[in-house]
C-alpha atoms as a PDB file:
ATOM      1  CA  UNK A   1     108.108 112.154  96.852  1.00  0.00           C
ATOM      2  CA  UNK A   2     111.477 110.137  96.526  1.00  0.00           C
ATOM      3  CA  UNK A   3     111.309 106.034  97.117  1.00  0.00           C
ATOM      4  CA  UNK A   4     113.474 106.420  99.920  1.00  0.00           C
ATOM      5  CA  UNK A   5     110.634 109.142 101.430  1.00  0.00           C
ATOM      6  CA  UNK A   6     108.308 106.164 100.594  1.00  0.00           C
ATOM      7  CA  UNK A   7     110.021 103.154 101.939  1.00  0.00           C
ATOM      8  CA  UNK A   8     110.112 105.439 105.022  1.00  0.00           C
ATOM      9  CA  UNK A   9     107.169 106.384 105.479  1.00  0.00           C
ATOM     10  CA  UNK A  10     105.817 102.394 105.375  1.00  0.00           C
ATOM     11  CA  UNK A  11     108.165 101.385 108.020  1.00  0.00           C
ATOM     12  CA  UNK A  12     106.789 103.941 110.610  1.00  0.00           C
ATOM     13  CA  UNK A  13     103.083 103.015 109.694  1.00  0.00           C
ATOM     14  CA  UNK A  14     104.286  99.047 109.489  1.00  0.00           C
ATOM     15  CA  UNK A  15     105.767 100.050 113.156  1.00  0.00           C
ATOM     16  CA  UNK A  16     102.942 101.682 114.270  1.00  0.00           C
ATOM     17  CA  UNK A  17     100.731  98.519 113.566  1.00  0.00           C
ATOM     18  CA  UNK A  18     102.813  96.508 115.426  1.00  0.00           C
ATOM     19  CA  UNK A  19     102.339  98.688 118.565  1.00  0.00           C
ATOM     20  CA  UNK A  20      98.050  98.558 118.096  1.00  0.00           C
ATOM     21  CA  UNK A  21      98.679  94.792 117.589  1.00  0.00           C
ATOM     22  CA  UNK A  22     101.016  94.591 120.493  1.00  0.00           C
ATOM     23  CA  UNK A  23      98.486  96.317 122.793  1.00  0.00           C
ATOM     24  CA  UNK A  24      95.589  94.596 121.548  1.00  0.00           C
ATOM     25  CA  UNK A  25      97.489  91.427 122.160  1.00  0.00           C
ATOM     26  CA  UNK A  26      98.708  92.445 125.987  1.00  0.00           C
ATOM     27  CA  UNK A  27     102.511  91.782 124.699  1.00  0.00           C
ATOM     28  CA  UNK A  28     103.372  95.171 125.010  1.00  0.00           C
ATOM     29  CA  UNK A  29     106.148  94.783 127.586  1.00  0.00           C
ATOM     30  CA  UNK A  30     107.776  91.885 125.342  1.00  0.00           C
ATOM     31  CA  UNK A  31     107.854  94.541 121.977  1.00  0.00           C
ATOM     32  CA  UNK A  32     109.317  97.144 123.679  1.00  0.00           C
ATOM     33  CA  UNK A  33     112.337  94.787 125.240  1.00  0.00           C
ATOM     34  CA  UNK A  34     112.702  93.308 122.090  1.00  0.00           C
ATOM     35  CA  UNK A  35     112.460  97.105 120.253  1.00  0.00           C
ATOM     36  CA  UNK A  36     115.485  98.145 123.020  1.00  0.00           C
ATOM     37  CA  UNK A  37     117.192  94.984 122.548  1.00  0.00           C
ATOM     38  CA  UNK A  38     117.578  95.605 118.595  1.00  0.00           C
ATOM     39  CA  UNK A  39     118.215  98.742 118.887  1.00  0.00           C
ATOM     40  CA  UNK A  40     121.282  97.783 121.250  1.00  0.00           C
ATOM     41  CA  UNK A  41     122.428  94.857 118.789  1.00  0.00           C
ATOM     42  CA  UNK A  42     121.989  97.997 116.266  1.00  0.00           C
ATOM     43  CA  UNK A  43     124.182  99.883 117.857  1.00  0.00           C
ATOM     44  CA  UNK A  44     127.134  97.421 118.698  1.00  0.00           C
ATOM     45  CA  UNK A  45     127.037  96.006 114.838  1.00  0.00           C
ATOM     46  CA  UNK A  46     127.366  99.409 113.616  1.00  0.00           C
ATOM     47  CA  UNK A  47     130.637  99.874 115.143  1.00  0.00           C
ATOM     48  CA  UNK A  48     132.141  96.177 113.255  1.00  0.00           C
ATOM     49  CA  UNK A  49     130.880  97.285 109.981  1.00  0.00           C
ATOM     50  CA  UNK A  50     131.516 100.720 109.546  1.00  0.00           C
END
């Protein structure tokens, strides 16, 4: 297994654990909103740094 695949797996696990943590604290809406905002910002800045 390459380093990139291992890193991707670790990031997926971390994201999943963050989802579980948000559910247990009752802050799912805030997490979803922040995730959407982050994706939007990433798409916006992708054009600048391409």
